[in-house]
Amino acid sequence: MNEFTSIVEEIKSIVSSDFKPKKVFDKDVAEVLGITQMNFATMKKRNKIPFNELLDFCAKKTISINWLLYGQSPESLIEATNKFYMVKYFSDVNASAGGGGDNECEEIQELEIPEQFVFMLGGERELTNIEAINVSGDSMEPTFSYNDIVFINRTKKDLNRGGVFTIRTEAGLFIKRIQTRIDGQVDVISDNSVYSTQTLKPSELEVIGRVVSRFGDVD
């Protein structure tokens, strides 16, 4: 996958005709994507790709997201037109990596994913079990950041092996690292060390599914 700086340069090239005769700067790309300059600078420094904004940009410009993310040439895109896959994307649902997050209104969209990304989700046969949602908050940084899109396998709910899961508690919807204790209780862990670990009884949480990717592997 291309780094954020490479994607920014591609966007500058795409919108250059709109800014002629002026040169396109990072601040212009931030404005085009609807991101504040401060957040844009932070994303660029951390190489955090703003997937939601890129999806909107590509839709407006009728550009394949594959081109920006993977640097595919227009010729290869023509050949691969029929080689894409769709997963359910709940664009208005936010699982918190901080305070509680949720939304009553669940607008279901279809998110196009490139063929080479399918194996990261477990293969084509698993796609019917995959749903994509957004991340909010900072308690799972650096693993996840605000506005990341994560992919959840709703059939993978076994907590005994541990891992990162989307769970629901009385406080809302969360993305957390889960470890099962010897006494049967569950440690709900934030990757950001600023946040403390919470211990819950299994009856105090609902497991939505395991987080399997975010346009990349999840440890």
C-alpha atoms as a PDB file:
ATOM      1  CA  MET A   1       0.000   0.000   0.000  1.00  0.00           C
ATOM      2  CA  ASN A   2       1.227   3.479  -0.811  1.00  0.00           C
ATOM      3  CA  GLU A   3       2.318   5.731   2.016  1.00  0.00           C
ATOM      4  CA  PHE A   4       0.320   8.844   2.857  1.00  0.00           C
ATOM      5  CA  THR A   5       2.903  11.159   1.260  1.00  0.00           C
ATOM      6  CA  SER A   6       2.644   9.290  -2.071  1.00  0.00           C
ATOM      7  CA  ILE A   7      -1.148   9.477  -1.984  1.00  0.00           C
ATOM      8  CA  VAL A   8      -0.975  13.220  -1.297  1.00  0.00           C
ATOM      9  CA  GLU A   9       1.229  13.723  -4.371  1.00  0.00           C
ATOM     10  CA  GLU A  10      -1.254  11.769  -6.517  1.00  0.00           C
ATOM     11  CA  ILE A  11      -4.098  13.958  -5.259  1.00  0.00           C
ATOM     12  CA  LYS A  12      -2.085  17.097  -6.066  1.00  0.00           C
ATOM     13  CA  SER A  13      -1.694  15.831  -9.618  1.00  0.00           C
ATOM     14  CA  ILE A  14      -5.410  15.049  -9.905  1.00  0.00           C
ATOM     15  CA  VAL A  15      -6.597  18.475  -8.706  1.00  0.00           C
ATOM     16  CA  SER A  16      -3.796  20.539 -10.274  1.00  0.00           C
ATOM     17  CA  SER A  17      -6.040  21.718 -13.110  1.00  0.00           C
ATOM     18  CA  ASP A  18      -8.436  23.212 -10.562  1.00  0.00           C
ATOM     19  CA  PHE A  19      -5.653  25.364  -9.076  1.00  0.00           C
ATOM     20  CA  LYS A  20      -3.865  26.558 -12.243  1.00  0.00           C
ATOM     21  CA  PRO A  21      -1.699  28.575 -12.528  1.00  0.00           C
ATOM     22  CA  LYS A  22      -1.044  28.182  -8.767  1.00  0.00           C
ATOM     23  CA  LYS A  23       0.925  25.298  -7.317  1.00  0.00           C
ATOM     24  CA  VAL A  24      -1.001  22.803  -5.161  1.00  0.00           C
ATOM     25  CA  PHE A  25       0.230  22.597  -1.553  1.00  0.00           C
ATOM     26  CA  ASP A  26      -0.538  20.240   1.329  1.00  0.00           C
ATOM     27  CA  LYS A  27      -3.016  22.752   2.751  1.00  0.00           C
ATOM     28  CA  ASP A  28      -4.951  22.594  -0.517  1.00  0.00           C
ATOM     29  CA  VAL A  29      -5.115  18.800  -0.361  1.00  0.00           C
ATOM     30  CA  ALA A  30      -6.325  19.016   3.236  1.00  0.00           C
ATOM     31  CA  GLU A  31      -9.099  21.377   2.145  1.00  0.00           C
ATOM     32  CA  VAL A  32     -10.070  19.137  -0.781  1.00  0.00           C
ATOM     33  CA  LEU A  33     -10.358  16.159   1.580  1.00  0.00           C
ATOM     34  CA  GLY A  34     -12.215  18.162   4.243  1.00  0.00           C
ATOM     35  CA  ILE A  35      -9.494  17.704   6.870  1.00  0.00           C
ATOM     36  CA  THR A  36      -8.151  20.471   9.082  1.00  0.00           C
ATOM     37  CA  GLN A  37      -4.531  21.418   8.428  1.00  0.00           C
ATOM     38  CA  MET A  38      -3.575  20.356  11.964  1.00  0.00           C
ATOM     39  CA  ASN A  39      -5.119  16.892  11.596  1.00  0.00           C
ATOM     40  CA  PHE A  40      -3.652  16.581   8.107  1.00  0.00           C
ATOM     41  CA  ALA A  41      -0.150  17.318   9.414  1.00  0.00           C
ATOM     42  CA  THR A  42      -0.579  14.728  12.173  1.00  0.00           C
ATOM     43  CA  MET A  43      -1.791  12.071   9.727  1.00  0.00           C
ATOM     44  CA  LYS A  44       1.116  12.785   7.401  1.00  0.00           C
ATOM     45  CA  LYS A  45       3.627  12.531  10.238  1.00  0.00           C
ATOM     46  CA  ARG A  46       2.163   9.218  11.471  1.00  0.00           C
ATOM     47  CA  ASN A  47       1.430   7.877   7.975  1.00  0.00           C
ATOM     48  CA  LYS A  48      -2.236   7.464   8.960  1.00  0.00           C
ATOM     49  CA  ILE A  49      -4.323   7.236   5.807  1.00  0.00           C
ATOM     50  CA  PRO A  50      -7.766   8.966   6.020  1.00  0.00           C
ATOM     51  CA  PHE A  51      -9.784   6.212   4.361  1.00  0.00           C
ATOM     52  CA  ASN A  52     -13.221   7.833   4.748  1.00  0.00           C
ATOM     53  CA  GLU A  53     -12.102  11.072   3.131  1.00  0.00           C
ATOM     54  CA  LEU A  54     -10.287   9.231   0.341  1.00  0.00           C
ATOM     55  CA  LEU A  55     -13.376   7.172  -0.426  1.00  0.00           C
ATOM     56  CA  ASP A  56     -15.458  10.359  -0.718  1.00  0.00           C
ATOM     57  CA  PHE A  57     -12.791  12.014  -2.876  1.00  0.00           C
ATOM     58  CA  CYS A  58     -12.577   9.025  -5.222  1.00  0.00           C
ATOM     59  CA  ALA A  59     -16.362   8.881  -5.523  1.00  0.00           C
ATOM     60  CA  LYS A  60     -16.524  12.581  -6.491  1.00  0.00           C
ATOM     61  CA  LYS A  61     -13.691  12.259  -9.005  1.00  0.00           C
ATOM     62  CA  THR A  62     -14.839   8.830 -10.281  1.00  0.00           C
ATOM     63  CA  ILE A  63     -11.419   7.372  -9.466  1.00  0.00           C
ATOM     64  CA  SER A  64     -10.775   3.848  -8.232  1.00  0.00           C
ATOM     65  CA  ILE A  65      -9.494   3.721  -4.660  1.00  0.00           C
ATOM     66  CA  ASN A  66      -7.106   0.989  -5.891  1.00  0.00           C
ATOM     67  CA  TRP A  67      -5.151   3.578  -7.832  1.00  0.00           C
ATOM     68  CA  LEU A  68      -4.503   5.778  -4.813  1.00  0.00           C
ATOM     69  CA  LEU A  69      -3.849   2.991  -2.325  1.00  0.00           C
ATOM     70  CA  TYR A  70      -1.857   0.593  -4.497  1.00  0.00           C
ATOM     71  CA  GLY A  71      -0.511   2.710  -7.349  1.00  0.00           C
ATOM     72  CA  GLN A  72      -2.147   0.641 -10.052  1.00  0.00           C
ATOM     73  CA  SER A  73      -1.859   2.045 -13.556  1.00  0.00           C
ATOM     74  CA  PRO A  74      -5.000   2.966 -15.526  1.00  0.00           C
ATOM     75  CA  GLU A  75      -4.252   0.023 -17.858  1.00  0.00           C
ATOM     76  CA  SER A  76      -4.240  -2.474 -14.997  1.00  0.00           C
ATOM     77  CA  LEU A  77      -7.441  -0.980 -13.632  1.00  0.00           C
ATOM     78  CA  ILE A  78      -9.216  -1.588 -16.931  1.00  0.00           C
ATOM     79  CA  GLU A  79      -8.124  -5.227 -16.829  1.00  0.00           C
ATOM     80  CA  ALA A  80      -9.186  -5.551 -13.185  1.00  0.00           C
ATOM     81  CA  THR A  81     -12.565  -3.872 -13.554  1.00  0.00           C
ATOM     82  CA  ASN A  82     -14.412  -7.111 -12.822  1.00  0.00           C
ATOM     83  CA  LYS A  83     -12.028  -8.133 -10.021  1.00  0.00           C
ATOM     84  CA  PHE A  84     -13.364  -6.355  -7.008  1.00  0.00           C
ATOM     85  CA  TYR A  85     -15.375  -7.363  -3.978  1.00  0.00           C
ATOM     86  CA  MET A  86     -17.913  -5.673  -1.762  1.00  0.00           C
ATOM     87  CA  VAL A  87     -18.456  -5.826   1.990  1.00  0.00           C
ATOM     88  CA  LYS A  88     -21.116  -4.250   4.182  1.00  0.00           C
ATOM     89  CA  TYR A  89     -20.048  -0.850   5.495  1.00  0.00           C
ATOM     90  CA  PHE A  90     -21.948   0.817   8.331  1.00  0.00           C
ATOM     91  CA  SER A  91     -20.756   4.340   7.573  1.00  0.00           C
ATOM     92  CA  ASP A  92     -22.583   5.964  10.493  1.00  0.00           C
ATOM     93  CA  VAL A  93     -21.489   3.453  13.147  1.00  0.00           C
ATOM     94  CA  ASN A  94     -18.492   4.361  15.298  1.00  0.00           C
ATOM     95  CA  ALA A  95     -16.854   1.839  17.628  1.00  0.00           C
ATOM     96  CA  SER A  96     -14.960   3.776  20.234  1.00  0.00           C
ATOM     97  CA  ALA A  97     -11.300   3.389  21.023  1.00  0.00           C
ATOM     98  CA  GLY A  98     -11.887   5.800  23.887  1.00  0.00           C
ATOM     99  CA  GLY A  99     -15.256   6.729  25.359  1.00  0.00           C
ATOM    100  CA  GLY A 100     -18.422   4.879  24.399  1.00  0.00           C
ATOM    101  CA  GLY A 101     -19.489   5.038  20.779  1.00  0.00           C
ATOM    102  CA  ASP A 102     -22.567   3.913  18.927  1.00  0.00           C
ATOM    103  CA  ASN A 103     -25.325   5.035  16.599  1.00  0.00           C
ATOM    104  CA  GLU A 104     -28.964   4.022  16.461  1.00  0.00           C
ATOM    105  CA  CYS A 105     -29.264   4.754  12.738  1.00  0.00           C
ATOM    106  CA  GLU A 106     -27.331   2.135  10.805  1.00  0.00           C
ATOM    107  CA  GLU A 107     -27.001   3.173   7.165  1.00  0.00           C
ATOM    108  CA  ILE A 108     -25.652   0.185   5.241  1.00  0.00           C
ATOM    109  CA  GLN A 109     -23.442   0.900   2.264  1.00  0.00           C
ATOM    110  CA  GLU A 110     -21.252  -1.318   0.141  1.00  0.00           C
ATOM    111  CA  LEU A 111     -17.510  -0.788   0.423  1.00  0.00           C
ATOM    112  CA  GLU A 112     -15.410  -1.822  -2.564  1.00  0.00           C
ATOM    113  CA  ILE A 113     -12.195  -3.615  -1.651  1.00  0.00           C
ATOM    114  CA  PRO A 114      -9.383  -4.614  -4.016  1.00  0.00           C
ATOM    115  CA  GLU A 115      -8.821  -8.247  -4.906  1.00  0.00           C
ATOM    116  CA  GLN A 116      -5.394  -8.375  -3.252  1.00  0.00           C
ATOM    117  CA  PHE A 117      -6.922  -7.287   0.065  1.00  0.00           C
ATOM    118  CA  VAL A 118      -9.424 -10.151   0.242  1.00  0.00           C
ATOM    119  CA  PHE A 119      -6.917 -12.672   1.623  1.00  0.00           C
ATOM    120  CA  MET A 120      -6.282 -10.360   4.607  1.00  0.00           C
ATOM    121  CA  LEU A 121      -9.939 -10.815   5.514  1.00  0.00           C
ATOM    122  CA  GLY A 122      -9.711 -14.606   5.436  1.00  0.00           C
ATOM    123  CA  GLY A 123     -10.447 -15.220   1.772  1.00  0.00           C
ATOM    124  CA  GLU A 124     -13.475 -14.830  -0.472  1.00  0.00           C
ATOM    125  CA  ARG A 125     -15.596 -17.325   1.458  1.00  0.00           C
ATOM    126  CA  GLU A 126     -15.373 -15.147   4.596  1.00  0.00           C
ATOM    127  CA  LEU A 127     -16.636 -11.953   2.941  1.00  0.00           C
ATOM    128  CA  THR A 128     -20.274 -12.645   3.832  1.00  0.00           C
ATOM    129  CA  ASN A 129     -19.226 -12.559   7.505  1.00  0.00           C
ATOM    130  CA  ILE A 130     -17.305  -9.268   7.225  1.00  0.00           C
ATOM    131  CA  GLU A 131     -18.642  -5.845   8.160  1.00  0.00           C
ATOM    132  CA  ALA A 132     -16.796  -2.531   8.164  1.00  0.00           C
ATOM    133  CA  ILE A 133     -17.261   0.299  10.678  1.00  0.00           C
ATOM    134  CA  ASN A 134     -15.417   3.429  11.785  1.00  0.00           C
ATOM    135  CA  VAL A 135     -13.095   4.033  14.727  1.00  0.00           C
ATOM    136  CA  SER A 136     -13.324   7.011  17.075  1.00  0.00           C
ATOM    137  CA  GLY A 137     -11.109   7.945  20.011  1.00  0.00           C
ATOM    138  CA  ASP A 138      -7.437   7.376  20.787  1.00  0.00           C
ATOM    139  CA  SER A 139      -7.247   4.612  23.394  1.00  0.00           C
ATOM    140  CA  MET A 140      -6.129   2.011  20.824  1.00  0.00           C
ATOM    141  CA  GLU A 141      -3.346   4.078  19.300  1.00  0.00           C
ATOM    142  CA  PRO A 142      -1.013   3.313  17.656  1.00  0.00           C
ATOM    143  CA  THR A 143      -2.881   0.197  16.481  1.00  0.00           C
ATOM    144  CA  PHE A 144      -5.972   2.196  15.487  1.00  0.00           C
ATOM    145  CA  SER A 145      -6.599   5.903  15.135  1.00  0.00           C
ATOM    146  CA  TYR A 146      -9.636   8.141  14.827  1.00  0.00           C
ATOM    147  CA  ASN A 147     -11.450   7.713  11.505  1.00  0.00           C
ATOM    148  CA  ASP A 148      -9.815   4.381  10.614  1.00  0.00           C
ATOM    149  CA  ILE A 149     -12.097   1.886   8.904  1.00  0.00           C
ATOM    150  CA  VAL A 150     -11.908  -1.560  10.507  1.00  0.00           C
ATOM    151  CA  PHE A 151     -13.186  -4.904   9.293  1.00  0.00           C
ATOM    152  CA  ILE A 152     -14.993  -7.226  11.705  1.00  0.00           C
ATOM    153  CA  ASN A 153     -15.669 -10.931  11.261  1.00  0.00           C
ATOM    154  CA  ARG A 154     -18.951 -11.456  13.093  1.00  0.00           C
ATOM    155  CA  THR A 155     -18.548 -15.242  13.252  1.00  0.00           C
ATOM    156  CA  LYS A 156     -15.308 -15.040  15.252  1.00  0.00           C
ATOM    157  CA  LYS A 157     -16.433 -14.465  18.846  1.00  0.00           C
ATOM    158  CA  ASP A 158     -14.253 -16.858  20.839  1.00  0.00           C
ATOM    159  CA  LEU A 159     -12.325 -14.763  23.372  1.00  0.00           C
ATOM    160  CA  ASN A 160     -10.135 -17.608  24.654  1.00  0.00           C
ATOM    161  CA  ARG A 161      -7.384 -16.959  22.111  1.00  0.00           C
ATOM    162  CA  GLY A 162      -7.409 -13.234  22.803  1.00  0.00           C
ATOM    163  CA  GLY A 163      -7.032 -10.529  20.178  1.00  0.00           C
ATOM    164  CA  VAL A 164      -8.794  -7.317  19.192  1.00  0.00           C
ATOM    165  CA  PHE A 165     -12.596  -7.441  19.259  1.00  0.00           C
ATOM    166  CA  THR A 166     -15.542  -5.146  18.830  1.00  0.00           C
ATOM    167  CA  ILE A 167     -17.663  -5.449  21.980  1.00  0.00           C
ATOM    168  CA  ARG A 168     -20.754  -3.824  23.396  1.00  0.00           C
ATOM    169  CA  THR A 169     -21.130  -2.964  27.065  1.00  0.00           C
ATOM    170  CA  GLU A 170     -23.642  -0.818  28.911  1.00  0.00           C
ATOM    171  CA  ALA A 171     -21.332   2.132  28.085  1.00  0.00           C
ATOM    172  CA  GLY A 172     -21.501   1.642  24.314  1.00  0.00           C
ATOM    173  CA  LEU A 173     -19.633   0.058  21.421  1.00  0.00           C
ATOM    174  CA  PHE A 174     -15.865  -0.427  21.764  1.00  0.00           C
ATOM    175  CA  ILE A 175     -12.817  -1.757  19.971  1.00  0.00           C
ATOM    176  CA  LYS A 176     -10.478  -3.253  22.570  1.00  0.00           C
ATOM    177  CA  ARG A 177      -7.840  -5.914  23.052  1.00  0.00           C
ATOM    178  CA  ILE A 178      -9.363  -8.796  25.023  1.00  0.00           C
ATOM    179  CA  GLN A 179      -7.704 -11.352  27.294  1.00  0.00           C
ATOM    180  CA  THR A 180      -9.555 -14.040  29.239  1.00  0.00           C
ATOM    181  CA  ARG A 181      -8.371 -14.470  32.838  1.00  0.00           C
ATOM    182  CA  ILE A 182      -7.929 -17.729  34.748  1.00  0.00           C
ATOM    183  CA  ASP A 183     -10.859 -16.774  37.004  1.00  0.00           C
ATOM    184  CA  GLY A 184     -13.132 -16.535  33.952  1.00  0.00           C
ATOM    185  CA  GLN A 185     -13.351 -12.768  33.879  1.00  0.00           C
ATOM    186  CA  VAL A 186     -12.252 -10.701  30.897  1.00  0.00           C
ATOM    187  CA  ASP A 187      -9.593  -7.983  30.733  1.00  0.00           C
ATOM    188  CA  VAL A 188     -10.560  -5.168  28.360  1.00  0.00           C
ATOM    189  CA  ILE A 189      -7.249  -3.594  27.352  1.00  0.00           C
ATOM    190  CA  SER A 190      -6.362  -0.345  25.598  1.00  0.00           C
ATOM    191  CA  ASP A 191      -3.168  -0.322  23.513  1.00  0.00           C
ATOM    192  CA  ASN A 192      -2.617   3.288  24.552  1.00  0.00           C
ATOM    193  CA  SER A 193      -0.919   2.977  27.955  1.00  0.00           C
ATOM    194  CA  VAL A 194      -2.585   6.179  29.150  1.00  0.00           C
ATOM    195  CA  TYR A 195      -5.799   4.190  29.590  1.00  0.00           C
ATOM    196  CA  SER A 196      -6.231   1.626  32.342  1.00  0.00           C
ATOM    197  CA  THR A 197      -7.387  -1.969  31.864  1.00  0.00           C
ATOM    198  CA  GLN A 198     -11.001  -2.756  32.731  1.00  0.00           C
ATOM    199  CA  THR A 199     -12.057  -6.170  34.041  1.00  0.00           C
ATOM    200  CA  LEU A 200     -15.570  -7.417  33.262  1.00  0.00           C
ATOM    201  CA  LYS A 201     -17.626 -10.535  33.755  1.00  0.00           C
ATOM    202  CA  PRO A 202     -18.506 -12.316  30.472  1.00  0.00           C
ATOM    203  CA  SER A 203     -22.165 -11.454  31.136  1.00  0.00           C
ATOM    204  CA  GLU A 204     -21.292  -7.738  31.145  1.00  0.00           C
ATOM    205  CA  LEU A 205     -20.285  -7.630  27.491  1.00  0.00           C
ATOM    206  CA  GLU A 206     -21.546  -8.733  24.102  1.00  0.00           C
ATOM    207  CA  VAL A 207     -18.959  -9.804  21.550  1.00  0.00           C
ATOM    208  CA  ILE A 208     -19.809  -8.408  18.112  1.00  0.00           C
ATOM    209  CA  GLY A 209     -16.850  -9.978  16.339  1.00  0.00           C
ATOM    210  CA  ARG A 210     -13.103 -10.082  15.936  1.00  0.00           C
ATOM    211  CA  VAL A 211     -11.345  -7.178  14.222  1.00  0.00           C
ATOM    212  CA  VAL A 212      -9.403  -8.821  11.405  1.00  0.00           C
ATOM    213  CA  SER A 213      -8.037  -5.869   9.464  1.00  0.00           C
ATOM    214  CA  ARG A 214      -7.978  -2.127   8.827  1.00  0.00           C
ATOM    215  CA  PHE A 215      -6.578  -2.134   5.306  1.00  0.00           C
ATOM    216  CA  GLY A 216      -3.705  -4.037   6.913  1.00  0.00           C
ATOM    217  CA  ASP A 217      -3.058  -6.802   9.432  1.00  0.00           C
ATOM    218  CA  VAL A 218      -4.193  -6.557  13.060  1.00  0.00           C
ATOM    219  CA  ASP A 219      -1.925  -8.070  15.738  1.00  0.00           C
END
